[in-house]
Amino acid sequence: MDKEKEIVSLQDYMDRLAKELTEARKHGKDTKIAELILAGVAPKIKYAEISEDNIDIALVKKQLAKIRYELDHAEEK
């Protein structure tokens, strides 16, 4: 996959995670950690888009994986 498509894919995945996060919050789950991580992802994606560096792209993937983990393990408040 070329880097441009990979960046778009990461942005789409971030958007889906943001929607899931909103739904989890509405259902009374504690999403604070996921929200904090998510706040920093958009600028990292933008930076990765500009740099096109595999290390930057890998960092974004790692952050998105952390959000996924937090959402999967979010507890009721």
Protein backbone atom coordinates (compact mmCIF):
# COMPACT_ATOMS: atom_id res chain seq x y z
CA MET A 1 0.00 0.00 0.00
CA ASP A 2 1.43 3.37 -0.88
CA LYS A 3 1.92 5.88 1.91
CA GLU A 4 -0.81 8.26 0.76
CA LYS A 5 -3.45 5.52 0.88
CA GLU A 6 -2.09 4.31 4.20
CA ILE A 7 -2.44 7.81 5.69
CA VAL A 8 -6.04 8.05 4.44
CA SER A 9 -6.74 4.64 5.91
CA LEU A 10 -5.31 5.74 9.27
CA GLN A 11 -7.46 8.89 9.23
CA ASP A 12 -10.57 6.81 8.49
CA TYR A 13 -9.72 4.41 11.30
CA MET A 14 -9.19 7.33 13.69
CA ASP A 15 -12.62 8.69 12.74
CA ARG A 16 -14.24 5.30 13.38
CA LEU A 17 -12.53 5.05 16.75
CA ALA A 18 -13.70 8.56 17.64
CA LYS A 19 -17.30 7.55 16.90
CA GLU A 20 -16.92 4.38 18.97
CA LEU A 21 -15.45 6.43 21.78
CA THR A 22 -18.48 8.74 21.71
CA GLU A 23 -20.85 5.77 21.83
CA ALA A 24 -18.93 4.17 24.70
CA ARG A 25 -19.08 7.44 26.64
CA LYS A 26 -22.84 7.65 26.04
CA HIS A 27 -23.19 4.16 27.48
CA GLY A 28 -21.44 5.23 30.68
CA LYS A 29 -18.00 3.82 30.05
CA ASP A 30 -14.85 5.52 31.30
CA THR A 31 -13.11 6.74 28.13
CA LYS A 32 -10.79 9.40 29.54
CA ILE A 33 -7.52 7.69 28.64
CA ALA A 34 -8.71 6.93 25.11
CA GLU A 35 -9.83 10.56 24.72
CA LEU A 36 -6.43 11.84 25.82
CA ILE A 37 -4.63 9.58 23.36
CA LEU A 38 -7.04 10.49 20.57
CA ALA A 39 -6.42 14.21 21.10
CA GLY A 40 -2.80 13.74 20.05
CA VAL A 41 -3.36 11.44 17.08
CA ALA A 42 -4.64 13.93 14.48
CA PRO A 43 -1.48 16.07 14.59
CA LYS A 44 0.66 12.92 14.40
CA ILE A 45 -1.25 11.78 11.33
CA LYS A 46 -0.73 15.19 9.72
CA TYR A 47 2.99 15.02 10.51
CA ALA A 48 3.23 11.49 9.11
CA GLU A 49 1.44 12.67 5.97
CA ILE A 50 4.03 15.39 5.47
CA SER A 51 7.11 13.37 6.42
CA GLU A 52 5.99 10.10 4.76
CA ASP A 53 8.38 8.39 7.16
CA ASN A 54 7.64 4.79 8.11
CA ILE A 55 8.58 5.51 11.72
CA ASP A 56 5.97 8.28 11.95
CA ILE A 57 3.34 6.06 10.37
CA ALA A 58 4.20 3.26 12.80
CA LEU A 59 3.83 5.69 15.71
CA VAL A 60 0.33 6.61 14.55
CA LYS A 61 -0.58 2.92 14.25
CA LYS A 62 0.69 2.34 17.77
CA GLN A 63 -1.40 5.22 19.14
CA LEU A 64 -4.51 3.96 17.35
CA ALA A 65 -3.89 0.48 18.75
CA LYS A 66 -3.71 1.98 22.26
CA ILE A 67 -7.07 3.69 21.71
CA ARG A 68 -8.56 0.41 20.48
CA TYR A 69 -7.24 -1.34 23.59
CA GLU A 70 -8.64 1.33 25.91
CA LEU A 71 -12.04 1.14 24.23
CA ASP A 72 -12.09 -2.65 24.43
CA HIS A 73 -11.24 -2.53 28.14
CA ALA A 74 -13.24 0.54 29.18
CA GLU A 75 -15.12 -0.01 32.42
CA GLU A 76 -18.47 1.29 33.49
CA LYS A 77 -18.30 4.45 35.59
